Amino acid sequence: MRRAAETGQFDFAGAVDAEVTAQDRNLIAGIAAYRRHAWRRDLPVPPTIWTEGSARILDYGTGPNGQPVLFVPSLINRAYVFDLRQGGSAMRWLAAHGVRPLLLDWGAPTEAERAFTLTDYVAGRLERALIATNRALGRGPVLAGYCMGGLLAVAAAQRRPDLVNGLVLLAVPWDFHSPDASRARMTAQTLGFLEPLLDLHGVLPVDFLQALFALLDPWSIGEKYRRFALMDHDGEAALSFVAMEDWLNDGVPLAAPVARACLSEWYGENAPARLQWRIAGDVVDPGQVMQSAFVAIPSRDRLVPPESARALAACLPHAMVHEPHAGHIGMVAGPRAATQLWRPLLGWLQGLC
């Protein structure tokens, strides 16, 4: 058999082999470059105004007159995504522009908190955090929830409208079966395999959480490290990449009852969108949330499809929708976060006064 070069035909197999080899080389180079990068997060910790169990509220404000905003992150990621690095901190940027930002840091579940349900987090801890914030500042804050934290924020705003003066929802899922119900159900089916682990540890460990997220978009991991391999590793984009990867790899275990509810009720049954998700026995219905709401839906979000988040915005009676051309994390903490999210959010907050 003659080689393709001898026949003048395109060597398709050879081209595929060359491309795969180059892709693998870039993937390995990107991972190696990330592991040896010199950047480390080093920011001063602001004052704590409230603690309970593993949770605390950090106060980034510099004066008493700014609009207070209590940021509520997901239960499975560290809160410092809002305070990621120098020049890339939503909390410090907002504080510098007259806002009183407060950050609810959930911490990692203690032995007692491993038995917490979503009701314990919303009707218990988050509600008490809001009460403490009202007492400390003399008025209710705007409640700002990110991703999973946004679902908790919606439930809290509905339960205690007297404690919340507005609602901010950042990349928050609601219709878990949109646009791909089969993928959501596949995610829910992993619960059967995880049950022995949940029974043994009382939490869903970080490594298994990472694996679940990887299943949602398995190709993106290789893609991002290949892109990183080609960056200027001293440039702004590379520093942002390393900071966000460090945050992603610094996750928090999830209490077993919450893991079961998220997988079975949210992903499996699509309970929120069907108005069947309950906190303390009451249905969580965003149609009953009368506060003004700012809903940010990043158009390039691979973790929370825009269709899922738009379903929540459509339910809220007084929602302003903002759709930046950004990804799930980049919208909040990326190199262009100030123009994509922080400044539009600031304008909305100023309009509340």
Protein backbone atom coordinates (compact mmCIF):
# COMPACT_ATOMS: atom_id res chain seq x y z
CA MET A 1 0.00 0.00 0.00
CA ARG A 2 1.39 3.36 -1.04
CA ARG A 3 1.54 6.26 1.43
CA ALA A 4 -0.75 9.26 0.96
CA ALA A 5 2.21 11.47 0.05
CA GLU A 6 2.94 9.20 -2.88
CA THR A 7 -0.64 9.23 -4.17
CA GLY A 8 -1.20 12.96 -3.69
CA GLN A 9 -4.20 12.26 -1.42
CA PHE A 10 -4.82 14.05 1.88
CA ASP A 11 -3.50 11.99 4.79
CA PHE A 12 -6.61 12.27 7.01
CA ALA A 13 -5.39 9.77 9.62
CA GLY A 14 -2.06 11.53 9.87
CA ALA A 15 -3.72 14.92 10.25
CA VAL A 16 -5.94 13.59 13.05
CA ASP A 17 -2.92 12.07 14.79
CA ALA A 18 -0.99 15.34 14.54
CA GLU A 19 -3.92 17.36 15.90
CA VAL A 20 -4.50 14.97 18.83
CA THR A 21 -0.79 15.06 19.67
CA ALA A 22 -0.78 18.87 19.63
CA GLN A 23 -3.92 19.03 21.76
CA ASP A 24 -2.47 16.60 24.30
CA ARG A 25 0.77 18.55 24.40
CA ASN A 26 -1.09 21.79 25.10
CA LEU A 27 -3.27 20.14 27.75
CA ILE A 28 -0.27 18.77 29.64
CA ALA A 29 1.60 22.05 29.26
CA GLY A 30 -1.39 24.01 30.56
CA ILE A 31 -1.80 21.82 33.63
CA ALA A 32 1.93 21.99 34.38
CA ALA A 33 1.98 25.79 33.97
CA TYR A 34 -0.98 26.18 36.33
CA ARG A 35 0.62 23.95 39.00
CA ARG A 36 3.87 25.91 39.04
CA HIS A 37 2.38 29.40 38.76
CA ALA A 38 3.65 31.74 41.47
CA TRP A 39 0.38 33.60 42.21
CA ARG A 40 -1.18 33.03 45.64
CA ARG A 41 -4.23 34.75 47.13
CA ASP A 42 -3.18 37.21 49.83
CA LEU A 43 -5.90 39.67 50.85
CA PRO A 44 -6.65 41.04 54.33
CA VAL A 45 -9.68 39.52 56.05
CA PRO A 46 -12.38 42.12 56.86
CA PRO A 47 -14.14 42.34 60.25
CA THR A 48 -16.68 39.70 61.27
CA ILE A 49 -20.03 41.03 62.52
CA TRP A 50 -21.81 37.70 63.19
CA THR A 51 -20.97 34.02 63.61
CA GLU A 52 -22.98 30.86 64.11
CA GLY A 53 -21.52 27.38 63.81
CA SER A 54 -19.21 27.37 60.81
CA ALA A 55 -20.86 30.46 59.28
CA ARG A 56 -19.84 34.11 59.60
CA ILE A 57 -20.67 37.47 58.04
CA LEU A 58 -17.72 39.52 56.80
CA ASP A 59 -18.22 43.30 56.59
CA TYR A 60 -16.40 45.03 53.70
CA GLY A 61 -18.09 48.38 54.25
CA THR A 62 -16.20 51.58 55.01
CA GLY A 63 -19.09 53.74 56.20
CA PRO A 64 -22.58 53.48 57.74
CA ASN A 65 -24.54 55.14 54.94
CA GLY A 66 -23.97 52.79 52.01
CA GLN A 67 -26.69 50.48 50.71
CA PRO A 68 -26.14 47.18 52.58
CA VAL A 69 -25.97 44.09 50.39
CA LEU A 70 -25.62 40.60 51.90
CA PHE A 71 -24.02 38.24 49.39
CA VAL A 72 -24.99 34.56 49.70
CA PRO A 73 -22.70 32.13 47.85
CA SER A 74 -23.30 28.48 47.09
CA LEU A 75 -22.95 25.93 49.86
CA ILE A 76 -20.33 24.00 47.89
CA ASN A 77 -17.83 26.72 47.02
CA ARG A 78 -15.80 29.12 49.13
CA ALA A 79 -17.34 32.54 49.65
CA TYR A 80 -14.20 34.38 48.55
CA VAL A 81 -15.18 34.17 44.89
CA PHE A 82 -16.58 37.64 45.64
CA ASP A 83 -13.18 38.71 47.02
CA LEU A 84 -10.90 36.74 44.75
CA ARG A 85 -7.80 38.88 44.30
CA GLN A 86 -6.44 42.40 44.30
CA GLY A 87 -8.15 44.25 41.46
CA GLY A 88 -10.60 41.38 41.07
CA SER A 89 -12.80 41.70 44.15
CA ALA A 90 -16.49 42.52 43.76
CA MET A 91 -16.74 43.27 47.48
CA ARG A 92 -13.90 45.79 47.58
CA TRP A 93 -14.96 47.42 44.30
CA LEU A 94 -18.53 47.92 45.52
CA ALA A 95 -17.29 49.23 48.87
CA ALA A 96 -15.10 51.75 47.05
CA HIS A 97 -18.22 52.94 45.19
CA GLY A 98 -20.34 53.60 48.25
CA VAL A 99 -22.03 50.22 48.84
CA ARG A 100 -21.94 48.38 52.20
CA PRO A 101 -21.08 44.83 51.03
CA LEU A 102 -21.43 41.95 53.49
CA LEU A 103 -20.43 38.38 52.71
CA LEU A 104 -22.03 35.30 54.24
CA ASP A 105 -19.27 32.71 54.48
CA TRP A 106 -20.96 29.35 55.10
CA GLY A 107 -17.72 27.57 56.00
CA ALA A 108 -17.39 23.77 55.87
CA PRO A 109 -20.04 21.69 57.67
CA THR A 110 -19.22 20.79 61.26
CA GLU A 111 -20.23 17.42 62.66
CA ALA A 112 -23.62 18.81 63.72
CA GLU A 113 -24.12 20.65 60.41
CA ARG A 114 -23.69 17.45 58.43
CA ALA A 115 -27.32 16.72 59.35
CA PHE A 116 -28.56 20.10 58.03
CA THR A 117 -31.36 20.16 55.48
CA LEU A 118 -32.16 23.00 53.09
CA THR A 119 -34.78 24.12 55.61
CA ASP A 120 -32.05 24.33 58.28
CA TYR A 121 -29.99 26.55 56.00
CA VAL A 122 -32.82 28.82 54.82
CA ALA A 123 -35.34 29.02 57.69
CA GLY A 124 -32.55 28.64 60.23
CA ARG A 125 -29.10 29.95 59.48
CA LEU A 126 -29.82 32.38 56.62
CA GLU A 127 -32.83 33.83 58.40
CA ARG A 128 -30.80 34.40 61.57
CA ALA A 129 -28.03 35.98 59.50
CA LEU A 130 -30.60 38.41 58.09
CA ILE A 131 -31.90 39.20 61.58
CA ALA A 132 -28.35 39.85 62.77
CA THR A 133 -27.65 42.09 59.77
CA ASN A 134 -30.82 44.11 60.39
CA ARG A 135 -29.85 44.61 64.04
CA ALA A 136 -26.24 45.53 63.26
CA LEU A 137 -27.06 48.03 60.51
CA GLY A 138 -30.48 49.26 61.58
CA ARG A 139 -32.08 48.32 58.26
CA GLY A 140 -32.57 45.35 55.99
CA PRO A 141 -30.03 44.53 53.29
CA VAL A 142 -30.47 43.68 49.66
CA LEU A 143 -30.04 39.91 49.49
CA ALA A 144 -27.70 38.77 46.70
CA GLY A 145 -27.56 35.05 45.91
CA TYR A 146 -25.08 33.38 43.56
CA CYS A 147 -25.88 30.06 41.85
CA MET A 148 -27.19 27.66 44.52
CA GLY A 149 -27.12 30.54 46.99
CA GLY A 150 -29.67 32.28 44.82
CA LEU A 151 -32.26 29.57 45.37
CA LEU A 152 -31.75 29.95 49.11
CA ALA A 153 -32.06 33.72 48.74
CA VAL A 154 -35.38 33.45 46.86
CA ALA A 155 -36.78 31.21 49.59
CA ALA A 156 -35.55 33.55 52.35
CA ALA A 157 -36.94 36.66 50.64
CA GLN A 158 -40.34 35.01 50.32
CA ARG A 159 -40.34 33.82 53.95
CA ARG A 160 -39.12 37.06 55.53
CA PRO A 161 -39.88 40.06 53.30
CA ASP A 162 -39.59 42.25 56.40
CA LEU A 163 -35.86 41.51 56.52
CA VAL A 164 -34.98 41.99 52.83
CA ASN A 165 -35.04 45.26 50.87
CA GLY A 166 -34.27 43.87 47.44
CA LEU A 167 -33.08 40.75 45.68
CA VAL A 168 -30.07 40.13 43.44
CA LEU A 169 -29.82 36.80 41.64
CA LEU A 170 -26.56 35.93 39.90
CA ALA A 171 -26.55 32.91 37.55
CA VAL A 172 -29.30 31.15 39.52
CA PRO A 173 -30.89 27.96 38.12
CA TRP A 174 -34.62 27.40 38.43
CA ASP A 175 -35.89 25.16 35.63
CA PHE A 176 -33.41 22.30 36.01
CA HIS A 177 -34.90 20.44 33.02
CA SER A 178 -34.31 23.30 30.61
CA PRO A 179 -32.94 22.99 28.01
CA ASP A 180 -31.96 19.32 28.49
CA ALA A 181 -34.11 17.25 30.84
CA SER A 182 -32.23 14.04 30.04
CA ARG A 183 -28.93 15.49 31.25
CA ALA A 184 -30.56 16.66 34.49
CA ARG A 185 -32.09 13.23 35.08
CA MET A 186 -28.73 11.59 34.39
CA THR A 187 -27.19 13.81 37.07
CA ALA A 188 -29.96 12.82 39.50
CA GLN A 189 -29.31 9.11 38.85
CA THR A 190 -25.83 9.42 40.35
CA LEU A 191 -27.50 9.62 43.76
CA GLY A 192 -27.91 5.84 43.80
CA PHE A 193 -24.16 5.36 43.47
CA LEU A 194 -23.41 8.06 46.03
CA GLU A 195 -25.69 6.83 48.81
CA PRO A 196 -23.08 4.56 50.47
CA LEU A 197 -20.65 7.47 50.50
CA LEU A 198 -23.25 9.84 52.01
CA ASP A 199 -24.12 7.28 54.67
CA LEU A 200 -20.48 6.74 55.54
CA HIS A 201 -19.29 10.36 55.73
CA GLY A 202 -22.46 12.38 56.27
CA VAL A 203 -21.34 14.69 53.45
CA LEU A 204 -20.71 14.58 49.73
CA PRO A 205 -16.92 15.07 49.54
CA VAL A 206 -15.36 17.75 47.38
CA ASP A 207 -13.79 15.31 44.90
CA PHE A 208 -17.15 13.78 44.10
CA LEU A 209 -18.74 17.20 43.73
CA GLN A 210 -16.02 18.10 41.24
CA ALA A 211 -16.75 14.91 39.32
CA LEU A 212 -20.47 15.75 39.14
CA PHE A 213 -19.73 19.20 37.74
CA ALA A 214 -17.33 17.68 35.25
CA LEU A 215 -20.12 15.43 34.00
CA LEU A 216 -22.22 18.50 33.19
CA ASP A 217 -19.61 19.73 30.71
CA PRO A 218 -16.80 17.17 30.38
CA TRP A 219 -14.99 18.79 27.44
CA SER A 220 -14.57 22.21 29.03
CA ILE A 221 -11.82 21.11 31.43
CA GLY A 222 -9.40 20.16 28.69
CA GLU A 223 -10.33 23.20 26.64
CA LYS A 224 -9.54 25.72 29.38
CA TYR A 225 -6.12 24.24 30.15
CA ARG A 226 -5.22 24.17 26.47
CA ARG A 227 -6.11 27.86 26.25
CA PHE A 228 -4.06 28.58 29.36
CA ALA A 229 -1.02 26.90 27.81
CA LEU A 230 -1.04 29.55 25.07
CA MET A 231 -1.45 32.58 27.36
CA ASP A 232 1.15 35.04 28.56
CA HIS A 233 1.47 33.59 32.06
CA ASP A 234 2.35 36.99 33.53
CA GLY A 235 -0.65 38.67 31.93
CA GLU A 236 -3.96 39.69 33.48
CA ALA A 237 -5.91 36.86 31.83
CA ALA A 238 -3.51 34.23 33.20
CA LEU A 239 -3.61 35.67 36.72
CA SER A 240 -7.39 35.63 36.60
CA PHE A 241 -7.37 32.02 35.35
CA VAL A 242 -5.08 30.85 38.19
CA ALA A 243 -7.15 32.68 40.82
CA MET A 244 -10.41 31.14 39.60
CA GLU A 245 -8.90 27.65 39.30
CA ASP A 246 -7.54 27.87 42.84
CA TRP A 247 -11.02 28.83 44.03
CA LEU A 248 -12.66 26.01 42.06
CA ASN A 249 -10.25 23.50 43.57
CA ASP A 250 -10.91 24.76 47.10
CA GLY A 251 -14.45 23.46 47.45
CA VAL A 252 -16.58 22.63 50.49
CA PRO A 253 -18.26 19.27 51.27
CA LEU A 254 -22.06 19.29 51.06
CA ALA A 255 -24.21 18.02 53.93
CA ALA A 256 -25.76 14.67 52.96
CA PRO A 257 -29.44 15.72 53.33
CA VAL A 258 -28.80 18.75 51.10
CA ALA A 259 -26.97 16.63 48.51
CA ARG A 260 -29.92 14.22 48.38
CA ALA A 261 -32.43 17.06 47.99
CA CYS A 262 -30.46 18.80 45.27
CA LEU A 263 -29.98 15.67 43.20
CA SER A 264 -33.40 14.09 43.66
CA GLU A 265 -35.70 17.13 44.01
CA TRP A 266 -33.92 19.75 41.90
CA TYR A 267 -32.28 17.74 39.13
CA GLY A 268 -34.53 14.68 39.20
CA GLU A 269 -38.00 16.08 39.86
CA ASN A 270 -37.41 19.69 38.76
CA ALA A 271 -39.29 20.65 41.92
CA PRO A 272 -38.47 24.40 41.91
CA ALA A 273 -39.89 25.07 38.43
CA ARG A 274 -42.93 22.89 39.17
CA LEU A 275 -43.53 24.81 42.42
CA GLN A 276 -43.07 21.65 44.45
CA TRP A 277 -39.91 22.61 46.34
CA ARG A 278 -40.72 23.30 49.98
CA ILE A 279 -38.87 25.03 52.80
CA ALA A 280 -40.27 24.51 56.31
CA GLY A 281 -43.35 22.98 54.69
CA ASP A 282 -44.15 25.97 52.45
CA VAL A 283 -43.80 26.00 48.65
CA VAL A 284 -41.08 28.31 47.37
CA ASP A 285 -42.88 30.51 44.85
CA PRO A 286 -40.91 33.41 43.33
CA GLY A 287 -44.22 34.87 42.17
CA GLN A 288 -44.80 35.88 45.79
CA VAL A 289 -41.52 37.80 46.06
CA MET A 290 -42.57 41.45 45.84
CA GLN A 291 -39.15 43.06 46.27
CA SER A 292 -37.38 44.62 43.30
CA ALA A 293 -34.98 42.11 41.77
CA PHE A 294 -31.83 42.32 39.65
CA VAL A 295 -31.34 39.07 37.73
CA ALA A 296 -27.98 38.52 36.01
CA ILE A 297 -27.99 35.71 33.43
CA PRO A 298 -24.58 35.17 31.77
CA SER A 299 -25.07 34.13 28.16
CA ARG A 300 -22.01 31.83 28.11
CA ASP A 301 -22.84 29.97 31.31
CA ARG A 302 -22.13 26.25 30.91
CA LEU A 303 -23.06 25.31 34.46
CA VAL A 304 -26.43 27.10 34.66
CA PRO A 305 -27.98 27.26 31.18
CA PRO A 306 -29.47 30.69 30.48
CA GLU A 307 -32.84 29.05 29.77
CA SER A 308 -32.90 27.70 33.33
CA ALA A 309 -32.17 31.10 34.85
CA ARG A 310 -34.62 32.96 32.60
CA ALA A 311 -37.41 30.76 33.95
CA LEU A 312 -36.80 32.27 37.39
CA ALA A 313 -36.69 35.83 36.09
CA ALA A 314 -40.03 35.27 34.34
CA CYS A 315 -41.65 34.31 37.66
CA LEU A 316 -40.52 37.36 39.61
CA PRO A 317 -43.07 40.23 39.54
CA HIS A 318 -40.49 43.05 39.65
CA ALA A 319 -37.35 41.80 37.93
CA MET A 320 -34.79 43.64 35.83
CA VAL A 321 -32.83 41.19 33.68
CA HIS A 322 -29.18 41.75 32.77
CA GLU A 323 -27.53 39.29 30.34
CA PRO A 324 -23.77 39.89 30.05
CA HIS A 325 -21.66 38.04 27.48
CA ALA A 326 -19.82 36.09 30.16
CA GLY A 327 -19.46 32.72 31.82
CA HIS A 328 -20.65 31.48 35.19
CA ILE A 329 -17.56 32.51 37.16
CA GLY A 330 -16.13 35.11 34.81
CA MET A 331 -19.24 37.28 35.22
CA VAL A 332 -18.58 37.55 38.96
CA ALA A 333 -14.79 37.49 39.19
CA GLY A 334 -13.23 37.56 35.72
CA PRO A 335 -11.02 40.27 34.15
CA ARG A 336 -14.09 42.05 32.71
CA ALA A 337 -16.39 41.56 35.71
CA ALA A 338 -16.42 45.29 36.52
CA THR A 339 -18.03 46.17 33.19
CA GLN A 340 -20.03 42.95 32.81
CA LEU A 341 -21.60 42.86 36.28
CA TRP A 342 -20.30 45.14 39.02
CA ARG A 343 -21.07 48.46 37.33
CA PRO A 344 -24.59 47.47 36.11
CA LEU A 345 -25.35 46.10 39.58
CA LEU A 346 -24.11 49.32 41.19
CA GLY A 347 -26.42 51.35 38.95
CA TRP A 348 -29.39 49.20 39.97
CA LEU A 349 -28.52 49.47 43.66
CA GLN A 350 -28.25 53.24 43.39
CA GLY A 351 -31.71 53.29 41.84
CA LEU A 352 -33.15 51.64 44.98
CA CYS A 353 -32.14 54.57 47.20
